[in-house]
Amino acid sequence: MKSFKVDAEKAEADKARLAVTITGHRNDRKPADQIVRYDFVREANSWKIDDIKGSSDGEAWSIRKVLTDALKS
C-alpha cells in the first residue's frame, strides 16, 4: 500500500458509509478495485460494521454475502 484516503459517503443518525481508496504500487488495477466501502449501523449507542464491500477485477464482492453463502453450504 502506497497511500489511502477515507471519505464519508453517507452519514445518517443510524447508518454511515465510509469509502476507503487504497493506492498501491501496481498501476494495472481498475479504479473501482481500489475502493473498499464500510457500512456501519448504530445499535445500542455503538457503531458496528454491517458490511464491507468492494470489487476485484471488476467483480463486486461483499463480506456479508460471502458469509451468508458459506452458511448455506
PDB file of N, CA and C in Angstrom:
ATOM      1  N   MET A   1       0.846  -1.157   0.000  1.00  0.00           N
ATOM      2  CA  MET A   1       0.000   0.000   0.000  1.00  0.00           C
ATOM      3  C   MET A   1       0.903   1.234   0.000  1.00  0.00           C
ATOM      4  N   LYS A   2       0.568   2.136  -0.885  1.00  0.00           N
ATOM      5  CA  LYS A   2       1.325   3.377  -1.005  1.00  0.00           C
ATOM      6  C   LYS A   2       0.654   4.502  -0.210  1.00  0.00           C
ATOM      7  N   SER A   3      -0.685   4.608  -0.357  1.00  0.00           N
ATOM      8  CA  SER A   3      -1.424   5.627   0.380  1.00  0.00           C
ATOM      9  C   SER A   3      -2.892   5.229   0.451  1.00  0.00           C
ATOM     10  N   PHE A   4      -3.655   5.948   1.275  1.00  0.00           N
ATOM     11  CA  PHE A   4      -5.090   5.712   1.346  1.00  0.00           C
ATOM     12  C   PHE A   4      -5.795   7.022   1.659  1.00  0.00           C
ATOM     13  N   LYS A   5      -7.081   7.063   1.309  1.00  0.00           N
ATOM     14  CA  LYS A   5      -7.904   8.241   1.563  1.00  0.00           C
ATOM     15  C   LYS A   5      -9.259   7.746   2.052  1.00  0.00           C
ATOM     16  N   VAL A   6      -9.791   8.368   3.092  1.00  0.00           N
ATOM     17  CA  VAL A   6     -11.080   7.984   3.656  1.00  0.00           C
ATOM     18  C   VAL A   6     -12.090   9.099   3.406  1.00  0.00           C
ATOM     19  N   ASP A   7     -13.243   8.736   2.832  1.00  0.00           N
ATOM     20  CA  ASP A   7     -14.320   9.692   2.581  1.00  0.00           C
ATOM     21  C   ASP A   7     -15.606   9.181   3.213  1.00  0.00           C
ATOM     22  N   ALA A   8     -16.337  10.069   3.859  1.00  0.00           N
ATOM     23  CA  ALA A   8     -17.668   9.735   4.369  1.00  0.00           C
ATOM     24  C   ALA A   8     -18.645   9.902   3.216  1.00  0.00           C
ATOM     25  N   GLU A   9     -19.197   8.806   2.724  1.00  0.00           N
ATOM     26  CA  GLU A   9     -20.143   8.851   1.613  1.00  0.00           C
ATOM     27  C   GLU A   9     -21.568   9.071   2.088  1.00  0.00           C
ATOM     28  N   LYS A  10     -21.854   8.588   3.295  1.00  0.00           N
ATOM     29  CA  LYS A  10     -23.215   8.659   3.810  1.00  0.00           C
ATOM     30  C   LYS A  10     -23.132   8.787   5.325  1.00  0.00           C
ATOM     31  N   ALA A  11     -23.923   9.698   5.868  1.00  0.00           N
ATOM     32  CA  ALA A  11     -23.945   9.857   7.321  1.00  0.00           C
ATOM     33  C   ALA A  11     -25.368  10.186   7.749  1.00  0.00           C
ATOM     34  N   GLU A  12     -25.977   9.250   8.438  1.00  0.00           N
ATOM     35  CA  GLU A  12     -27.323   9.428   8.983  1.00  0.00           C
ATOM     36  C   GLU A  12     -27.264   9.131  10.476  1.00  0.00           C
ATOM     37  N   ALA A  13     -28.381   9.285  11.143  1.00  0.00           N
ATOM     38  CA  ALA A  13     -28.418   9.061  12.589  1.00  0.00           C
ATOM     39  C   ALA A  13     -28.080   7.621  12.962  1.00  0.00           C
ATOM     40  N   ASP A  14     -28.504   6.655  12.110  1.00  0.00           N
ATOM     41  CA  ASP A  14     -28.299   5.251  12.452  1.00  0.00           C
ATOM     42  C   ASP A  14     -27.546   4.450  11.397  1.00  0.00           C
ATOM     43  N   LYS A  15     -27.070   5.125  10.334  1.00  0.00           N
ATOM     44  CA  LYS A  15     -26.304   4.440   9.285  1.00  0.00           C
ATOM     45  C   LYS A  15     -25.202   5.360   8.783  1.00  0.00           C
ATOM     46  N   ALA A  16     -24.096   4.745   8.372  1.00  0.00           N
ATOM     47  CA  ALA A  16     -22.996   5.522   7.792  1.00  0.00           C
ATOM     48  C   ALA A  16     -22.228   4.631   6.833  1.00  0.00           C
ATOM     49  N   ARG A  17     -21.573   5.276   5.857  1.00  0.00           N
ATOM     50  CA  ARG A  17     -20.731   4.532   4.918  1.00  0.00           C
ATOM     51  C   ARG A  17     -19.445   5.321   4.710  1.00  0.00           C
ATOM     52  N   LEU A  18     -18.324   4.611   4.872  1.00  0.00           N
ATOM     53  CA  LEU A  18     -17.019   5.180   4.585  1.00  0.00           C
ATOM     54  C   LEU A  18     -16.455   4.492   3.355  1.00  0.00           C
ATOM     55  N   ALA A  19     -15.879   5.284   2.469  1.00  0.00           N
ATOM     56  CA  ALA A  19     -15.201   4.739   1.295  1.00  0.00           C
ATOM     57  C   ALA A  19     -13.707   4.962   1.490  1.00  0.00           C
ATOM     58  N   VAL A  20     -12.951   3.879   1.443  1.00  0.00           N
ATOM     59  CA  VAL A  20     -11.501   3.961   1.605  1.00  0.00           C
ATOM     60  C   VAL A  20     -10.867   3.646   0.253  1.00  0.00           C
ATOM     61  N   THR A  21     -10.173   4.625  -0.302  1.00  0.00           N
ATOM     62  CA  THR A  21      -9.471   4.429  -1.563  1.00  0.00           C
ATOM     63  C   THR A  21      -8.028   4.095  -1.239  1.00  0.00           C
ATOM     64  N   ILE A  22      -7.590   2.933  -1.699  1.00  0.00           N
ATOM     65  CA  ILE A  22      -6.249   2.439  -1.398  1.00  0.00           C
ATOM     66  C   ILE A  22      -5.427   2.482  -2.685  1.00  0.00           C
ATOM     67  N   THR A  23      -4.334   3.202  -2.628  1.00  0.00           N
ATOM     68  CA  THR A  23      -3.436   3.297  -3.774  1.00  0.00           C
ATOM     69  C   THR A  23      -2.214   2.443  -3.488  1.00  0.00           C
ATOM     70  N   GLY A  24      -1.941   1.560  -4.420  1.00  0.00           N
ATOM     71  CA  GLY A  24      -0.793   0.682  -4.263  1.00  0.00           C
ATOM     72  C   GLY A  24       0.298   1.005  -5.258  1.00  0.00           C
ATOM     73  N   HIS A  25       1.290   0.162  -5.312  1.00  0.00           N
ATOM     74  CA  HIS A  25       2.407   0.346  -6.231  1.00  0.00           C
ATOM     75  C   HIS A  25       2.085  -0.186  -7.620  1.00  0.00           C
ATOM     76  N   ARG A  26       1.045  -1.028  -7.735  1.00  0.00           N
ATOM     77  CA  ARG A  26       0.638  -1.555  -9.035  1.00  0.00           C
ATOM     78  C   ARG A  26      -0.273  -0.554  -9.730  1.00  0.00           C
ATOM     79  N   ASN A  27      -0.086  -0.366 -10.999  1.00  0.00           N
ATOM     80  CA  ASN A  27      -0.908   0.557 -11.772  1.00  0.00           C
ATOM     81  C   ASN A  27      -1.911  -0.159 -12.660  1.00  0.00           C
ATOM     82  N   ASP A  28      -1.964  -1.482 -12.594  1.00  0.00           N
ATOM     83  CA  ASP A  28      -2.829  -2.237 -13.504  1.00  0.00           C
ATOM     84  C   ASP A  28      -4.213  -2.528 -12.921  1.00  0.00           C
ATOM     85  N   ARG A  29      -4.512  -2.014 -11.748  1.00  0.00           N
ATOM     86  CA  ARG A  29      -5.816  -2.263 -11.120  1.00  0.00           C
ATOM     87  C   ARG A  29      -6.851  -1.267 -11.621  1.00  0.00           C
ATOM     88  N   LYS A  30      -8.077  -1.747 -11.741  1.00  0.00           N
ATOM     89  CA  LYS A  30      -9.183  -0.874 -12.131  1.00  0.00           C
ATOM     90  C   LYS A  30      -9.465   0.103 -10.987  1.00  0.00           C
ATOM     91  N   PRO A  31      -9.858   1.340 -11.311  1.00  0.00           N
ATOM     92  CA  PRO A  31     -10.112   2.318 -10.247  1.00  0.00           C
ATOM     93  C   PRO A  31     -11.126   1.832  -9.208  1.00  0.00           C
ATOM     94  N   ALA A  32     -12.181   1.137  -9.643  1.00  0.00           N
ATOM     95  CA  ALA A  32     -13.192   0.644  -8.694  1.00  0.00           C
ATOM     96  C   ALA A  32     -12.605  -0.395  -7.742  1.00  0.00           C
ATOM     97  N   ASP A  33     -11.588  -1.128  -8.184  1.00  0.00           N
ATOM     98  CA  ASP A  33     -10.960  -2.149  -7.339  1.00  0.00           C
ATOM     99  C   ASP A  33     -10.136  -1.535  -6.209  1.00  0.00           C
ATOM    100  N   GLN A  34      -9.893  -0.251  -6.270  1.00  0.00           N
ATOM    101  CA  GLN A  34      -9.089   0.417  -5.248  1.00  0.00           C
ATOM    102  C   GLN A  34      -9.938   0.961  -4.102  1.00  0.00           C
ATOM    103  N   ILE A  35     -11.272   0.811  -4.213  1.00  0.00           N
ATOM    104  CA  ILE A  35     -12.168   1.368  -3.193  1.00  0.00           C
ATOM    105  C   ILE A  35     -12.823   0.246  -2.387  1.00  0.00           C
ATOM    106  N   VAL A  36     -12.731   0.346  -1.075  1.00  0.00           N
ATOM    107  CA  VAL A  36     -13.411  -0.574  -0.165  1.00  0.00           C
ATOM    108  C   VAL A  36     -14.390   0.270   0.646  1.00  0.00           C
ATOM    109  N   ARG A  37     -15.646  -0.174   0.688  1.00  0.00           N
ATOM    110  CA  ARG A  37     -16.682   0.566   1.411  1.00  0.00           C
ATOM    111  C   ARG A  37     -17.062  -0.181   2.685  1.00  0.00           C
ATOM    112  N   TYR A  38     -17.138   0.573   3.760  1.00  0.00           N
ATOM    113  CA  TYR A  38     -17.515   0.031   5.062  1.00  0.00           C
ATOM    114  C   TYR A  38     -18.878   0.603   5.434  1.00  0.00           C
ATOM    115  N   ASP A  39     -19.871  -0.269   5.604  1.00  0.00           N
ATOM    116  CA  ASP A  39     -21.207   0.144   6.027  1.00  0.00           C
ATOM    117  C   ASP A  39     -21.317  -0.077   7.535  1.00  0.00           C
ATOM    118  N   PHE A  40     -21.778   0.951   8.219  1.00  0.00           N
ATOM    119  CA  PHE A  40     -21.937   0.895   9.668  1.00  0.00           C
ATOM    120  C   PHE A  40     -23.401   1.093  10.043  1.00  0.00           C
ATOM    121  N   VAL A  41     -23.818   0.479  11.145  1.00  0.00           N
ATOM    122  CA  VAL A  41     -25.136   0.703  11.724  1.00  0.00           C
ATOM    123  C   VAL A  41     -24.946   1.041  13.200  1.00  0.00           C
ATOM    124  N   ARG A  42     -25.840   1.858  13.695  1.00  0.00           N
ATOM    125  CA  ARG A  42     -25.787   2.233  15.114  1.00  0.00           C
ATOM    126  C   ARG A  42     -26.760   1.341  15.866  1.00  0.00           C
ATOM    127  N   GLU A  43     -26.231   0.605  16.833  1.00  0.00           N
ATOM    128  CA  GLU A  43     -27.035  -0.289  17.670  1.00  0.00           C
ATOM    129  C   GLU A  43     -26.633  -0.085  19.118  1.00  0.00           C
ATOM    130  N   ALA A  44     -27.615   0.144  19.949  1.00  0.00           N
ATOM    131  CA  ALA A  44     -27.373   0.300  21.395  1.00  0.00           C
ATOM    132  C   ALA A  44     -26.281   1.332  21.672  1.00  0.00           C
ATOM    133  N   ASN A  45     -26.376   2.469  20.984  1.00  0.00           N
ATOM    134  CA  ASN A  45     -25.441   3.582  21.184  1.00  0.00           C
ATOM    135  C   ASN A  45     -24.013   3.308  20.738  1.00  0.00           C
ATOM    136  N   SER A  46     -23.815   2.269  19.922  1.00  0.00           N
ATOM    137  CA  SER A  46     -22.484   1.955  19.408  1.00  0.00           C
ATOM    138  C   SER A  46     -22.543   1.766  17.897  1.00  0.00           C
ATOM    139  N   TRP A  47     -21.477   2.145  17.210  1.00  0.00           N
ATOM    140  CA  TRP A  47     -21.374   1.907  15.774  1.00  0.00           C
ATOM    141  C   TRP A  47     -20.763   0.530  15.550  1.00  0.00           C
ATOM    142  N   LYS A  48     -21.406  -0.249  14.670  1.00  0.00           N
ATOM    143  CA  LYS A  48     -20.933  -1.599  14.358  1.00  0.00           C
ATOM    144  C   LYS A  48     -20.832  -1.751  12.850  1.00  0.00           C
ATOM    145  N   ILE A  49     -19.863  -2.518  12.395  1.00  0.00           N
ATOM    146  CA  ILE A  49     -19.720  -2.780  10.965  1.00  0.00           C
ATOM    147  C   ILE A  49     -20.841  -3.701  10.534  1.00  0.00           C
ATOM    148  N   ASP A  50     -21.573  -3.285   9.506  1.00  0.00           N
ATOM    149  CA  ASP A  50     -22.680  -4.066   8.965  1.00  0.00           C
ATOM    150  C   ASP A  50     -22.249  -4.862   7.734  1.00  0.00           C
ATOM    151  N   ASP A  51     -21.364  -4.300   6.922  1.00  0.00           N
ATOM    152  CA  ASP A  51     -20.881  -4.978   5.728  1.00  0.00           C
ATOM    153  C   ASP A  51     -19.623  -4.273   5.239  1.00  0.00           C
ATOM    154  N   ILE A  52     -18.816  -4.999   4.496  1.00  0.00           N
ATOM    155  CA  ILE A  52     -17.635  -4.460   3.824  1.00  0.00           C
ATOM    156  C   ILE A  52     -17.765  -4.889   2.378  1.00  0.00           C
ATOM    157  N   LYS A  53     -17.644  -3.919   1.447  1.00  0.00           N
ATOM    158  CA  LYS A  53     -17.864  -4.198   0.027  1.00  0.00           C
ATOM    159  C   LYS A  53     -16.717  -3.653  -0.811  1.00  0.00           C
ATOM    160  N   GLY A  54     -16.514  -4.298  -1.937  1.00  0.00           N
ATOM    161  CA  GLY A  54     -15.504  -3.827  -2.877  1.00  0.00           C
ATOM    162  C   GLY A  54     -15.643  -4.571  -4.184  1.00  0.00           C
ATOM    163  N   SER A  55     -14.590  -4.551  -4.965  1.00  0.00           N
ATOM    164  CA  SER A  55     -14.575  -5.326  -6.201  1.00  0.00           C
ATOM    165  C   SER A  55     -13.154  -5.799  -6.469  1.00  0.00           C
ATOM    166  N   SER A  56     -13.070  -6.883  -7.225  1.00  0.00           N
ATOM    167  CA  SER A  56     -11.791  -7.457  -7.623  1.00  0.00           C
ATOM    168  C   SER A  56     -11.903  -7.804  -9.097  1.00  0.00           C
ATOM    169  N   ASP A  57     -11.032  -7.252  -9.902  1.00  0.00           N
ATOM    170  CA  ASP A  57     -11.102  -7.410 -11.360  1.00  0.00           C
ATOM    171  C   ASP A  57     -12.480  -7.034 -11.882  1.00  0.00           C
ATOM    172  N   GLY A  58     -13.077  -6.019 -11.293  1.00  0.00           N
ATOM    173  CA  GLY A  58     -14.381  -5.545 -11.738  1.00  0.00           C
ATOM    174  C   GLY A  58     -15.566  -6.331 -11.216  1.00  0.00           C
ATOM    175  N   GLU A  59     -15.331  -7.422 -10.489  1.00  0.00           N
ATOM    176  CA  GLU A  59     -16.398  -8.247  -9.919  1.00  0.00           C
ATOM    177  C   GLU A  59     -16.658  -7.824  -8.474  1.00  0.00           C
ATOM    178  N   ALA A  60     -17.899  -7.444  -8.205  1.00  0.00           N
ATOM    179  CA  ALA A  60     -18.265  -6.978  -6.863  1.00  0.00           C
ATOM    180  C   ALA A  60     -18.214  -8.114  -5.845  1.00  0.00           C
ATOM    181  N   TRP A  61     -17.843  -7.777  -4.617  1.00  0.00           N
ATOM    182  CA  TRP A  61     -17.879  -8.729  -3.510  1.00  0.00           C
ATOM    183  C   TRP A  61     -18.410  -8.019  -2.270  1.00  0.00           C
ATOM    184  N   SER A  62     -18.912  -8.811  -1.357  1.00  0.00           N
ATOM    185  CA  SER A  62     -19.456  -8.316  -0.098  1.00  0.00           C
ATOM    186  C   SER A  62     -19.154  -9.355   0.982  1.00  0.00           C
ATOM    187  N   ILE A  63     -18.603  -8.924   2.077  1.00  0.00           N
ATOM    188  CA  ILE A  63     -18.326  -9.853   3.179  1.00  0.00           C
ATOM    189  C   ILE A  63     -19.624 -10.493   3.666  1.00  0.00           C
ATOM    190  N   ARG A  64     -20.685  -9.703   3.759  1.00  0.00           N
ATOM    191  CA  ARG A  64     -21.984 -10.237   4.198  1.00  0.00           C
ATOM    192  C   ARG A  64     -22.429 -11.372   3.278  1.00  0.00           C
ATOM    193  N   LYS A  65     -22.319 -11.174   1.958  1.00  0.00           N
ATOM    194  CA  LYS A  65     -22.740 -12.195   1.000  1.00  0.00           C
ATOM    195  C   LYS A  65     -21.852 -13.436   1.094  1.00  0.00           C
ATOM    196  N   VAL A  66     -20.562 -13.233   1.205  1.00  0.00           N
ATOM    197  CA  VAL A  66     -19.632 -14.372   1.317  1.00  0.00           C
ATOM    198  C   VAL A  66     -19.995 -15.213   2.529  1.00  0.00           C
ATOM    199  N   LEU A  67     -20.220 -14.563   3.678  1.00  0.00           N
ATOM    200  CA  LEU A  67     -20.560 -15.302   4.897  1.00  0.00           C
ATOM    201  C   LEU A  67     -21.931 -15.955   4.803  1.00  0.00           C
ATOM    202  N   THR A  68     -22.908 -15.260   4.235  1.00  0.00           N
ATOM    203  CA  THR A  68     -24.249 -15.832   4.074  1.00  0.00           C
ATOM    204  C   THR A  68     -24.210 -17.059   3.174  1.00  0.00           C
ATOM    205  N   ASP A  69     -23.486 -16.956   2.051  1.00  0.00           N
ATOM    206  CA  ASP A  69     -23.363 -18.089   1.129  1.00  0.00           C
ATOM    207  C   ASP A  69     -22.640 -19.269   1.789  1.00  0.00           C
ATOM    208  N   ALA A  70     -21.639 -18.974   2.602  1.00  0.00           N
ATOM    209  CA  ALA A  70     -20.897 -20.040   3.285  1.00  0.00           C
ATOM    210  C   ALA A  70     -21.780 -20.784   4.283  1.00  0.00           C
ATOM    211  N   LEU A  71     -22.672 -20.062   4.935  1.00  0.00           N
ATOM    212  CA  LEU A  71     -23.562 -20.694   5.917  1.00  0.00           C
ATOM    213  C   LEU A  71     -24.624 -21.560   5.246  1.00  0.00           C
ATOM    214  N   LYS A  72     -24.931 -21.276   3.989  1.00  0.00           N
ATOM    215  CA  LYS A  72     -25.917 -22.072   3.246  1.00  0.00           C
ATOM    216  C   LYS A  72     -25.333 -23.410   2.807  1.00  0.00           C
ATOM    217  N   SER A  73     -24.015 -23.477   2.690  1.00  0.00           N
ATOM    218  CA  SER A  73     -23.354 -24.718   2.205  1.00  0.00           C
ATOM    219  C   SER A  73     -23.275 -25.785   3.251  1.00  0.00           C
TER     220      SER A  73
END
